[in-house]
Amino acid sequence: SSQFQQRRQTYDFDMIFNFWSASLSPGNEQSFYWGGDSADTDGTRNY
């Protein structure tokens, strides 16, 4: 799990399983999930 977390955070993978939770009021976190500024920043969820 620790190696998986490290490789996921640095986008060092071809394909992974992932789960993004959702609420009835999505907000700022959406930029971290799929915003363009987060694509090249380690540690976001724009995997």
All heavy atoms as atom14 arrays in JSON, in Angstrom:
{
  "sequence": "SSQFQQRRQTYDFDMIFNFWSASLSPGNEQSFYWGGDSADTDGTRNY",
  "atom14_mask": [
    [1, 1, 1, 1, 1, 1, 0, 0, 0, 0, 0, 0, 0, 0],
    [1, 1, 1, 1, 1, 1, 0, 0, 0, 0, 0, 0, 0, 0],
    [1, 1, 1, 1, 1, 1, 1, 1, 1, 0, 0, 0, 0, 0],
    [1, 1, 1, 1, 1, 1, 1, 1, 1, 1, 1, 0, 0, 0],
    [1, 1, 1, 1, 1, 1, 1, 1, 1, 0, 0, 0, 0, 0],
    [1, 1, 1, 1, 1, 1, 1, 1, 1, 0, 0, 0, 0, 0],
    [1, 1, 1, 1, 1, 1, 1, 1, 1, 1, 1, 0, 0, 0],
    [1, 1, 1, 1, 1, 1, 1, 1, 1, 1, 1, 0, 0, 0],
    [1, 1, 1, 1, 1, 1, 1, 1, 1, 0, 0, 0, 0, 0],
    [1, 1, 1, 1, 1, 1, 1, 0, 0, 0, 0, 0, 0, 0],
    [1, 1, 1, 1, 1, 1, 1, 1, 1, 1, 1, 1, 0, 0],
    [1, 1, 1, 1, 1, 1, 1, 1, 0, 0, 0, 0, 0, 0],
    [1, 1, 1, 1, 1, 1, 1, 1, 1, 1, 1, 0, 0, 0],
    [1, 1, 1, 1, 1, 1, 1, 1, 0, 0, 0, 0, 0, 0],
    [1, 1, 1, 1, 1, 1, 1, 1, 0, 0, 0, 0, 0, 0],
    [1, 1, 1, 1, 1, 1, 1, 1, 0, 0, 0, 0, 0, 0],
    [1, 1, 1, 1, 1, 1, 1, 1, 1, 1, 1, 0, 0, 0],
    [1, 1, 1, 1, 1, 1, 1, 1, 0, 0, 0, 0, 0, 0],
    [1, 1, 1, 1, 1, 1, 1, 1, 1, 1, 1, 0, 0, 0],
    [1, 1, 1, 1, 1, 1, 1, 1, 1, 1, 1, 1, 1, 1],
    [1, 1, 1, 1, 1, 1, 0, 0, 0, 0, 0, 0, 0, 0],
    [1, 1, 1, 1, 1, 0, 0, 0, 0, 0, 0, 0, 0, 0],
    [1, 1, 1, 1, 1, 1, 0, 0, 0, 0, 0, 0, 0, 0],
    [1, 1, 1, 1, 1, 1, 1, 1, 0, 0, 0, 0, 0, 0],
    [1, 1, 1, 1, 1, 1, 0, 0, 0, 0, 0, 0, 0, 0],
    [1, 1, 1, 1, 1, 1, 1, 0, 0, 0, 0, 0, 0, 0],
    [1, 1, 1, 1, 0, 0, 0, 0, 0, 0, 0, 0, 0, 0],
    [1, 1, 1, 1, 1, 1, 1, 1, 0, 0, 0, 0, 0, 0],
    [1, 1, 1, 1, 1, 1, 1, 1, 1, 0, 0, 0, 0, 0],
    [1, 1, 1, 1, 1, 1, 1, 1, 1, 0, 0, 0, 0, 0],
    [1, 1, 1, 1, 1, 1, 0, 0, 0, 0, 0, 0, 0, 0],
    [1, 1, 1, 1, 1, 1, 1, 1, 1, 1, 1, 0, 0, 0],
    [1, 1, 1, 1, 1, 1, 1, 1, 1, 1, 1, 1, 0, 0],
    [1, 1, 1, 1, 1, 1, 1, 1, 1, 1, 1, 1, 1, 1],
    [1, 1, 1, 1, 0, 0, 0, 0, 0, 0, 0, 0, 0, 0],
    [1, 1, 1, 1, 0, 0, 0, 0, 0, 0, 0, 0, 0, 0],
    [1, 1, 1, 1, 1, 1, 1, 1, 0, 0, 0, 0, 0, 0],
    [1, 1, 1, 1, 1, 1, 0, 0, 0, 0, 0, 0, 0, 0],
    [1, 1, 1, 1, 1, 0, 0, 0, 0, 0, 0, 0, 0, 0],
    [1, 1, 1, 1, 1, 1, 1, 1, 0, 0, 0, 0, 0, 0],
    [1, 1, 1, 1, 1, 1, 1, 0, 0, 0, 0, 0, 0, 0],
    [1, 1, 1, 1, 1, 1, 1, 1, 0, 0, 0, 0, 0, 0],
    [1, 1, 1, 1, 0, 0, 0, 0, 0, 0, 0, 0, 0, 0],
    [1, 1, 1, 1, 1, 1, 1, 0, 0, 0, 0, 0, 0, 0],
    [1, 1, 1, 1, 1, 1, 1, 1, 1, 1, 1, 0, 0, 0],
    [1, 1, 1, 1, 1, 1, 1, 1, 0, 0, 0, 0, 0, 0],
    [1, 1, 1, 1, 1, 1, 1, 1, 1, 1, 1, 1, 0, 0]
  ],
  "atom14_positions": [
    [[0.81, -1.22, 0.0], [0.0, 0.0, 0.0], [0.84, 1.27, 0.0], [0.48, 2.26, -0.64], [-0.95, 0.0, 1.21], [-0.22, -0.07, 2.42], [0.0, 0.0, 0.0], [0.0, 0.0, 0.0], [0.0, 0.0, 0.0], [0.0, 0.0, 0.0], [0.0, 0.0, 0.0], [0.0, 0.0, 0.0], [0.0, 0.0, 0.0], [0.0, 0.0, 0.0]],
    [[1.96, 1.27, 0.69], [2.8, 2.47, 0.74], [3.42, 2.76, -0.62], [3.49, 3.92, -1.06], [3.89, 2.33, 1.81], [4.74, 1.23, 1.52], [0.0, 0.0, 0.0], [0.0, 0.0, 0.0], [0.0, 0.0, 0.0], [0.0, 0.0, 0.0], [0.0, 0.0, 0.0], [0.0, 0.0, 0.0], [0.0, 0.0, 0.0], [0.0, 0.0, 0.0]],
    [[3.89, 1.71, -1.31], [4.46, 1.9, -2.64], [3.39, 2.34, -3.63], [3.63, 3.2, -4.49], [5.14, 0.62, -3.13], [5.88, 0.8, -4.46], [6.6, -0.47, -4.91], [6.58, -1.48, -4.22], [7.21, -0.42, -6.08], [0.0, 0.0, 0.0], [0.0, 0.0, 0.0], [0.0, 0.0, 0.0], [0.0, 0.0, 0.0], [0.0, 0.0, 0.0]],
    [[2.21, 1.75, -3.51], [1.1, 2.14, -4.37], [0.77, 3.62, -4.18], [0.59, 4.37, -5.15], [-0.13, 1.28, -4.08], [-1.32, 1.61, -4.94], [-1.48, 1.0, -6.18], [-2.28, 2.51, -4.52], [-2.56, 1.3, -6.98], [-3.38, 2.82, -5.31], [-3.52, 2.2, -6.55], [0.0, 0.0, 0.0], [0.0, 0.0, 0.0], [0.0, 0.0, 0.0]],
    [[0.7, 4.03, -2.92], [0.38, 5.43, -2.63], [1.43, 6.36, -3.21], [1.11, 7.4, -3.81], [0.27, 5.64, -1.11], [0.05, 7.08, -0.67], [-1.32, 7.6, -1.05], [-2.16, 6.88, -1.56], [-1.54, 8.89, -0.8], [0.0, 0.0, 0.0], [0.0, 0.0, 0.0], [0.0, 0.0, 0.0], [0.0, 0.0, 0.0], [0.0, 0.0, 0.0]],
    [[2.7, 6.01, -3.06], [3.77, 6.84, -3.57], [3.71, 6.94, -5.1], [3.83, 8.04, -5.67], [5.13, 6.26, -3.15], [6.33, 6.99, -3.71], [6.43, 8.44, -3.28], [5.94, 8.79, -2.2], [7.03, 9.29, -4.09], [0.0, 0.0, 0.0], [0.0, 0.0, 0.0], [0.0, 0.0, 0.0], [0.0, 0.0, 0.0], [0.0, 0.0, 0.0]],
    [[3.51, 5.83, -5.77], [3.47, 5.85, -7.23], [2.2, 6.55, -7.73], [2.24, 7.24, -8.77], [3.56, 4.43, -7.78], [4.93, 3.78, -7.56], [5.05, 2.44, -8.23], [4.84, 2.53, -9.68], [4.95, 1.49, -10.51], [5.24, 0.28, -10.01], [4.74, 1.64, -11.8], [0.0, 0.0, 0.0], [0.0, 0.0, 0.0], [0.0, 0.0, 0.0]],
    [[1.12, 6.41, -7.01], [-0.11, 7.11, -7.42], [0.05, 8.63, -7.26], [-0.36, 9.4, -8.13], [-1.29, 6.61, -6.59], [-2.62, 7.23, -7.02], [-3.79, 6.61, -6.29], [-3.73, 6.87, -4.85], [-4.74, 6.61, -4.02], [-5.85, 6.06, -4.48], [-4.63, 6.86, -2.74], [0.0, 0.0, 0.0], [0.0, 0.0, 0.0], [0.0, 0.0, 0.0]],
    [[0.66, 9.05, -6.16], [0.83, 10.48, -5.91], [1.74, 11.14, -6.93], [1.59, 12.33, -7.21], [1.38, 10.71, -4.5], [0.36, 10.48, -3.4], [0.94, 10.8, -2.03], [2.15, 10.92, -1.87], [0.08, 10.94, -1.05], [0.0, 0.0, 0.0], [0.0, 0.0, 0.0], [0.0, 0.0, 0.0], [0.0, 0.0, 0.0], [0.0, 0.0, 0.0]],
    [[2.68, 10.39, -7.47], [3.63, 10.95, -8.45], [3.27, 10.54, -9.87], [4.06, 10.79, -10.79], [5.06, 10.5, -8.12], [5.11, 9.07, -8.08], [5.51, 11.05, -6.76], [0.0, 0.0, 0.0], [0.0, 0.0, 0.0], [0.0, 0.0, 0.0], [0.0, 0.0, 0.0], [0.0, 0.0, 0.0], [0.0, 0.0, 0.0], [0.0, 0.0, 0.0]],
    [[2.13, 9.92, -10.06], [1.61, 9.53, -11.38], [2.57, 8.58, -12.1], [2.69, 8.6, -13.33], [1.33, 10.78, -12.24], [0.63, 11.86, -11.46], [1.15, 13.15, -11.4], [-0.55, 11.61, -10.78], [0.52, 14.15, -10.68], [-1.19, 12.59, -10.04], [-0.64, 13.87, -9.99], [-1.28, 14.84, -9.25], [0.0, 0.0, 0.0], [0.0, 0.0, 0.0]],
    [[3.22, 7.71, -11.32], [4.17, 6.75, -11.86], [3.45, 5.43, -12.12], [3.68, 4.43, -11.44], [5.34, 6.58, -10.89], [6.39, 5.61, -11.41], [6.41, 5.35, -12.63], [7.18, 5.09, -10.58], [0.0, 0.0, 0.0], [0.0, 0.0, 0.0], [0.0, 0.0, 0.0], [0.0, 0.0, 0.0], [0.0, 0.0, 0.0], [0.0, 0.0, 0.0]],
    [[2.55, 5.43, -13.08], [1.78, 4.23, -13.41], [1.22, 4.38, -14.81], [1.13, 5.5, -15.36], [0.65, 4.02, -12.41], [-0.36, 5.14, -12.38], [-1.42, 5.17, -13.28], [-0.24, 6.19, -11.5], [-2.35, 6.21, -13.29], [-1.14, 7.25, -11.5], [-2.2, 7.25, -12.39], [0.0, 0.0, 0.0], [0.0, 0.0, 0.0], [0.0, 0.0, 0.0]],
    [[0.82, 3.27, -15.4], [0.08, 3.29, -16.66], [-1.42, 3.27, -16.39], [-2.17, 4.06, -16.96], [0.44, 2.09, -17.52], [1.9, 2.1, -17.97], [2.47, 3.19, -18.11], [2.47, 1.0, -18.16], [0.0, 0.0, 0.0], [0.0, 0.0, 0.0], [0.0, 0.0, 0.0], [0.0, 0.0, 0.0], [0.0, 0.0, 0.0], [0.0, 0.0, 0.0]],
    [[-1.83, 2.34, -15.52], [-3.25, 2.2, -15.18], [-3.36, 1.78, -13.73], [-2.55, 0.98, -13.24], [-3.93, 1.18, -16.1], [-5.41, 0.94, -15.8], [-6.15, -0.33, -16.86], [-6.4, 0.61, -18.37], [0.0, 0.0, 0.0], [0.0, 0.0, 0.0], [0.0, 0.0, 0.0], [0.0, 0.0, 0.0], [0.0, 0.0, 0.0], [0.0, 0.0, 0.0]],
    [[-4.35, 2.3, -13.03], [-4.62, 1.92, -11.65], [-6.14, 1.82, -11.44], [-6.92, 2.31, -12.25], [-4.05, 2.94, -10.62], [-4.64, 4.33, -10.88], [-2.55, 2.94, -10.62], [-4.32, 5.34, -9.78], [0.0, 0.0, 0.0], [0.0, 0.0, 0.0], [0.0, 0.0, 0.0], [0.0, 0.0, 0.0], [0.0, 0.0, 0.0], [0.0, 0.0, 0.0]],
    [[-6.53, 1.21, -10.34], [-7.88, 1.33, -9.83], [-7.95, 2.56, -8.93], [-7.01, 2.85, -8.18], [-8.27, 0.1, -9.0], [-8.49, -1.15, -9.8], [-7.46, -2.05, -10.0], [-9.74, -1.42, -10.36], [-7.66, -3.21, -10.72], [-9.95, -2.58, -11.08], [-8.91, -3.48, -11.27], [0.0, 0.0, 0.0], [0.0, 0.0, 0.0], [0.0, 0.0, 0.0]],
    [[-9.06, 3.26, -8.97], [-9.24, 4.37, -8.04], [-10.73, 4.6, -7.8], [-11.58, 4.23, -8.62], [-8.6, 5.66, -8.57], [-8.51, 6.73, -7.48], [-7.79, 6.54, -6.5], [-9.24, 7.8, -7.61], [0.0, 0.0, 0.0], [0.0, 0.0, 0.0], [0.0, 0.0, 0.0], [0.0, 0.0, 0.0], [0.0, 0.0, 0.0], [0.0, 0.0, 0.0]],
    [[-11.0, 5.23, -6.65], [-12.38, 5.63, -6.32], [-12.39, 7.1, -5.96], [-11.63, 7.54, -5.1], [-12.92, 4.79, -5.16], [-14.29, 5.25, -4.7], [-15.41, 4.99, -5.48], [-14.45, 5.95, -3.52], [-16.67, 5.43, -5.09], [-15.7, 6.38, -3.11], [-16.82, 6.12, -3.89], [0.0, 0.0, 0.0], [0.0, 0.0, 0.0], [0.0, 0.0, 0.0]],
    [[-13.24, 7.87, -6.64], [-13.49, 9.25, -6.27], [-14.88, 9.32, -5.63], [-15.88, 8.98, -6.26], [-13.49, 10.15, -7.5], [-12.16, 10.38, -8.15], [-11.24, 11.34, -7.85], [-11.6, 9.65, -9.25], [-10.15, 11.25, -8.68], [-10.34, 10.23, -9.55], [-12.05, 8.57, -10.01], [-9.53, 9.75, -10.58], [-11.24, 8.09, -11.03], [-10.0, 8.68, -11.3]],
    [[-14.94, 9.76, -4.39], [-16.23, 9.94, -3.75], [-16.93, 11.15, -4.33], [-16.3, 12.01, -4.97], [-16.06, 10.1, -2.23], [-15.28, 11.24, -1.94], [0.0, 0.0, 0.0], [0.0, 0.0, 0.0], [0.0, 0.0, 0.0], [0.0, 0.0, 0.0], [0.0, 0.0, 0.0], [0.0, 0.0, 0.0], [0.0, 0.0, 0.0], [0.0, 0.0, 0.0]],
    [[-18.23, 11.26, -4.13], [-19.0, 12.39, -4.64], [-20.09, 12.74, -3.64], [-20.57, 11.88, -2.89], [-19.62, 12.05, -6.0], [0.0, 0.0, 0.0], [0.0, 0.0, 0.0], [0.0, 0.0, 0.0], [0.0, 0.0, 0.0], [0.0, 0.0, 0.0], [0.0, 0.0, 0.0], [0.0, 0.0, 0.0], [0.0, 0.0, 0.0], [0.0, 0.0, 0.0]],
    [[-20.46, 14.0, -3.63], [-21.53, 14.47, -2.76], [-22.6, 15.16, -3.61], [-22.44, 15.3, -4.83], [-20.99, 15.46, -1.73], [-20.71, 16.73, -2.34], [0.0, 0.0, 0.0], [0.0, 0.0, 0.0], [0.0, 0.0, 0.0], [0.0, 0.0, 0.0], [0.0, 0.0, 0.0], [0.0, 0.0, 0.0], [0.0, 0.0, 0.0], [0.0, 0.0, 0.0]],
    [[-23.68, 15.57, -2.97], [-24.73, 16.31, -3.67], [-24.34, 17.76, -3.92], [-25.07, 18.49, -4.59], [-26.03, 16.25, -2.87], [-26.72, 14.88, -2.83], [-27.85, 14.89, -1.81], [-27.23, 14.5, -4.21], [0.0, 0.0, 0.0], [0.0, 0.0, 0.0], [0.0, 0.0, 0.0], [0.0, 0.0, 0.0], [0.0, 0.0, 0.0], [0.0, 0.0, 0.0]],
    [[-23.19, 18.16, -3.39], [-22.73, 19.53, -3.58], [-21.23, 19.54, -3.85], [-20.45, 20.06, -3.05], [-23.06, 20.4, -2.35], [-22.74, 21.75, -2.59], [0.0, 0.0, 0.0], [0.0, 0.0, 0.0], [0.0, 0.0, 0.0], [0.0, 0.0, 0.0], [0.0, 0.0, 0.0], [0.0, 0.0, 0.0], [0.0, 0.0, 0.0], [0.0, 0.0, 0.0]],
    [[-20.79, 18.98, -4.97], [-19.36, 19.03, -5.29], [-18.89, 20.47, -5.39], [-19.64, 21.35, -5.82], [-19.27, 18.3, -6.63], [-20.65, 18.33, -7.2], [-21.57, 18.33, -6.03], [0.0, 0.0, 0.0], [0.0, 0.0, 0.0], [0.0, 0.0, 0.0], [0.0, 0.0, 0.0], [0.0, 0.0, 0.0], [0.0, 0.0, 0.0], [0.0, 0.0, 0.0]],
    [[-17.64, 20.71, -4.97], [-17.14, 22.07, -4.93], [-15.69, 22.18, -5.33], [-15.26, 21.63, -6.35], [0.0, 0.0, 0.0], [0.0, 0.0, 0.0], [0.0, 0.0, 0.0], [0.0, 0.0, 0.0], [0.0, 0.0, 0.0], [0.0, 0.0, 0.0], [0.0, 0.0, 0.0], [0.0, 0.0, 0.0], [0.0, 0.0, 0.0], [0.0, 0.0, 0.0]],
    [[-14.91, 22.87, -4.47], [-13.52, 23.16, -4.81], [-12.69, 21.92, -5.11], [-11.73, 21.97, -5.89], [-12.87, 23.92, -3.64], [-13.23, 25.38, -3.64], [-12.6, 26.18, -4.31], [-14.25, 25.74, -2.88], [0.0, 0.0, 0.0], [0.0, 0.0, 0.0], [0.0, 0.0, 0.0], [0.0, 0.0, 0.0], [0.0, 0.0, 0.0], [0.0, 0.0, 0.0]],
    [[-13.06, 20.79, -4.49], [-12.25, 19.59, -4.67], [-12.25, 19.11, -6.12], [-11.34, 18.39, -6.54], [-12.75, 18.47, -3.75], [-14.0, 17.75, -4.2], [-15.28, 18.55, -4.02], [-15.24, 19.59, -3.32], [-16.32, 18.15, -4.58], [0.0, 0.0, 0.0], [0.0, 0.0, 0.0], [0.0, 0.0, 0.0], [0.0, 0.0, 0.0], [0.0, 0.0, 0.0]],
    [[-13.23, 19.55, -6.9], [-13.28, 19.12, -8.3], [-12.05, 19.6, -9.08], [-11.61, 18.94, -10.01], [-14.56, 19.63, -8.96], [-15.84, 19.16, -8.3], [-16.03, 17.66, -8.33], [-16.19, 17.07, -9.39], [-16.0, 17.02, -7.16], [0.0, 0.0, 0.0], [0.0, 0.0, 0.0], [0.0, 0.0, 0.0], [0.0, 0.0, 0.0], [0.0, 0.0, 0.0]],
    [[-11.51, 20.75, -8.7], [-10.3, 21.24, -9.36], [-9.12, 20.32, -9.09], [-8.23, 20.18, -9.93], [-9.97, 22.66, -8.87], [-10.98, 23.56, -9.26], [0.0, 0.0, 0.0], [0.0, 0.0, 0.0], [0.0, 0.0, 0.0], [0.0, 0.0, 0.0], [0.0, 0.0, 0.0], [0.0, 0.0, 0.0], [0.0, 0.0, 0.0], [0.0, 0.0, 0.0]],
    [[-9.11, 19.69, -7.92], [-8.03, 18.75, -7.58], [-8.25, 17.4, -8.23], [-7.32, 16.62, -8.41], [-7.92, 18.59, -6.08], [-7.37, 19.81, -5.41], [-8.2, 20.8, -4.93], [-6.01, 19.99, -5.27], [-7.71, 21.92, -4.34], [-5.49, 21.11, -4.68], [-6.34, 22.09, -4.21], [0.0, 0.0, 0.0], [0.0, 0.0, 0.0], [0.0, 0.0, 0.0]],
    [[-9.5, 17.11, -8.58], [-9.8, 15.84, -9.22], [-9.49, 15.88, -10.71], [-8.95, 14.92, -11.26], [-11.27, 15.48, -9.04], [-11.69, 15.1, -7.65], [-10.79, 15.1, -6.59], [-13.0, 14.75, -7.37], [-11.19, 14.74, -5.32], [-13.41, 14.39, -6.1], [-12.5, 14.4, -5.08], [-12.9, 14.05, -3.81], [0.0, 0.0, 0.0], [0.0, 0.0, 0.0]],
    [[-9.88, 16.98, -11.39], [-9.72, 17.01, -12.84], [-9.4, 18.39, -13.41], [-9.54, 18.61, -14.62], [-10.96, 16.46, -13.57], [-12.14, 16.19, -12.7], [-13.13, 17.05, -12.33], [-12.47, 14.93, -12.09], [-14.05, 16.42, -11.53], [-13.67, 15.12, -11.36], [-11.88, 13.67, -12.1], [-14.27, 14.1, -10.64], [-12.48, 12.65, -11.37], [-13.66, 12.87, -10.65]],
    [[-9.01, 19.33, -12.61], [-8.62, 20.63, -13.11], [-7.27, 20.59, -13.81], [-6.36, 19.85, -13.42], [0.0, 0.0, 0.0], [0.0, 0.0, 0.0], [0.0, 0.0, 0.0], [0.0, 0.0, 0.0], [0.0, 0.0, 0.0], [0.0, 0.0, 0.0], [0.0, 0.0, 0.0], [0.0, 0.0, 0.0], [0.0, 0.0, 0.0], [0.0, 0.0, 0.0]],
    [[-7.1, 21.41, -14.86], [-5.87, 21.39, -15.64], [-4.64, 21.75, -14.83], [-3.55, 21.2, -15.05], [0.0, 0.0, 0.0], [0.0, 0.0, 0.0], [0.0, 0.0, 0.0], [0.0, 0.0, 0.0], [0.0, 0.0, 0.0], [0.0, 0.0, 0.0], [0.0, 0.0, 0.0], [0.0, 0.0, 0.0], [0.0, 0.0, 0.0], [0.0, 0.0, 0.0]],
    [[-4.79, 22.67, -13.87], [-3.64, 23.09, -13.06], [-3.12, 21.96, -12.18], [-1.96, 21.99, -11.74], [-4.01, 24.3, -12.19], [-4.17, 25.56, -13.02], [-3.68, 25.59, -14.15], [-4.79, 26.52, -12.52], [0.0, 0.0, 0.0], [0.0, 0.0, 0.0], [0.0, 0.0, 0.0], [0.0, 0.0, 0.0], [0.0, 0.0, 0.0], [0.0, 0.0, 0.0]],
    [[-3.96, 20.98, -11.9], [-3.56, 19.89, -11.01], [-2.92, 18.72, -11.76], [-2.36, 17.82, -11.12], [-4.77, 19.39, -10.21], [-5.73, 18.8, -11.07], [0.0, 0.0, 0.0], [0.0, 0.0, 0.0], [0.0, 0.0, 0.0], [0.0, 0.0, 0.0], [0.0, 0.0, 0.0], [0.0, 0.0, 0.0], [0.0, 0.0, 0.0], [0.0, 0.0, 0.0]],
    [[-2.98, 18.76, -13.07], [-2.52, 17.59, -13.84], [-1.03, 17.32, -13.68], [-0.6, 16.16, -13.71], [-2.86, 17.78, -15.32], [0.0, 0.0, 0.0], [0.0, 0.0, 0.0], [0.0, 0.0, 0.0], [0.0, 0.0, 0.0], [0.0, 0.0, 0.0], [0.0, 0.0, 0.0], [0.0, 0.0, 0.0], [0.0, 0.0, 0.0], [0.0, 0.0, 0.0]],
    [[-0.24, 18.37, -13.52], [1.22, 18.21, -13.44], [1.76, 18.5, -12.05], [2.96, 18.71, -11.88], [1.9, 19.12, -14.46], [1.54, 18.75, -15.89], [1.43, 17.54, -16.17], [1.33, 19.67, -16.71], [0.0, 0.0, 0.0], [0.0, 0.0, 0.0], [0.0, 0.0, 0.0], [0.0, 0.0, 0.0], [0.0, 0.0, 0.0], [0.0, 0.0, 0.0]],
    [[0.88, 18.53, -11.06], [1.28, 18.78, -9.68], [1.16, 17.49, -8.89], [0.06, 16.93, -8.76], [0.39, 19.87, -9.04], [0.47, 21.06, -9.82], [0.84, 20.15, -7.61], [0.0, 0.0, 0.0], [0.0, 0.0, 0.0], [0.0, 0.0, 0.0], [0.0, 0.0, 0.0], [0.0, 0.0, 0.0], [0.0, 0.0, 0.0], [0.0, 0.0, 0.0]],
    [[2.25, 16.99, -8.36], [2.21, 15.76, -7.57], [1.27, 15.92, -6.38], [1.19, 16.98, -5.75], [3.61, 15.41, -7.05], [4.52, 14.88, -8.15], [4.04, 14.71, -9.29], [5.71, 14.65, -7.86], [0.0, 0.0, 0.0], [0.0, 0.0, 0.0], [0.0, 0.0, 0.0], [0.0, 0.0, 0.0], [0.0, 0.0, 0.0], [0.0, 0.0, 0.0]],
    [[0.57, 14.84, -6.07], [-0.25, 14.82, -4.87], [-1.69, 15.22, -5.06], [-2.46, 15.19, -4.1], [0.0, 0.0, 0.0], [0.0, 0.0, 0.0], [0.0, 0.0, 0.0], [0.0, 0.0, 0.0], [0.0, 0.0, 0.0], [0.0, 0.0, 0.0], [0.0, 0.0, 0.0], [0.0, 0.0, 0.0], [0.0, 0.0, 0.0], [0.0, 0.0, 0.0]],
    [[-2.11, 15.6, -6.27], [-3.52, 15.87, -6.49], [-4.23, 14.56, -6.8], [-3.61, 13.49, -6.84], [-3.72, 16.87, -7.64], [-3.47, 16.2, -8.89], [-2.79, 18.07, -7.51], [0.0, 0.0, 0.0], [0.0, 0.0, 0.0], [0.0, 0.0, 0.0], [0.0, 0.0, 0.0], [0.0, 0.0, 0.0], [0.0, 0.0, 0.0], [0.0, 0.0, 0.0]],
    [[-5.53, 14.65, -7.07], [-6.28, 13.44, -7.42], [-6.64, 13.41, -8.91], [-7.51, 12.66, -9.32], [-7.54, 13.32, -6.56], [-7.21, 13.26, -5.07], [-8.37, 12.77, -4.26], [-8.54, 11.35, -4.42], [-9.65, 10.67, -4.09], [-10.68, 11.33, -3.57], [-9.73, 9.38, -4.27], [0.0, 0.0, 0.0], [0.0, 0.0, 0.0], [0.0, 0.0, 0.0]],
    [[-5.95, 14.25, -9.69], [-6.11, 14.21, -11.14], [-5.19, 13.13, -11.68], [-4.22, 13.39, -12.39], [-5.78, 15.58, -11.75], [-6.12, 15.66, -13.23], [-6.41, 14.65, -13.87], [-6.07, 16.87, -13.77], [0.0, 0.0, 0.0], [0.0, 0.0, 0.0], [0.0, 0.0, 0.0], [0.0, 0.0, 0.0], [0.0, 0.0, 0.0], [0.0, 0.0, 0.0]],
    [[-5.51, 11.9, -11.33], [-4.63, 10.78, -11.66], [-4.57, 10.53, -13.16], [-3.57, 10.04, -13.67], [-5.09, 9.52, -10.94], [-5.11, 9.67, -9.44], [-6.26, 9.42, -8.71], [-3.97, 10.08, -8.74], [-6.29, 9.56, -7.33], [-3.99, 10.24, -7.37], [-5.16, 9.97, -6.67], [-5.18, 10.13, -5.3], [0.0, 0.0, 0.0], [0.0, 0.0, 0.0]]
  ]
}
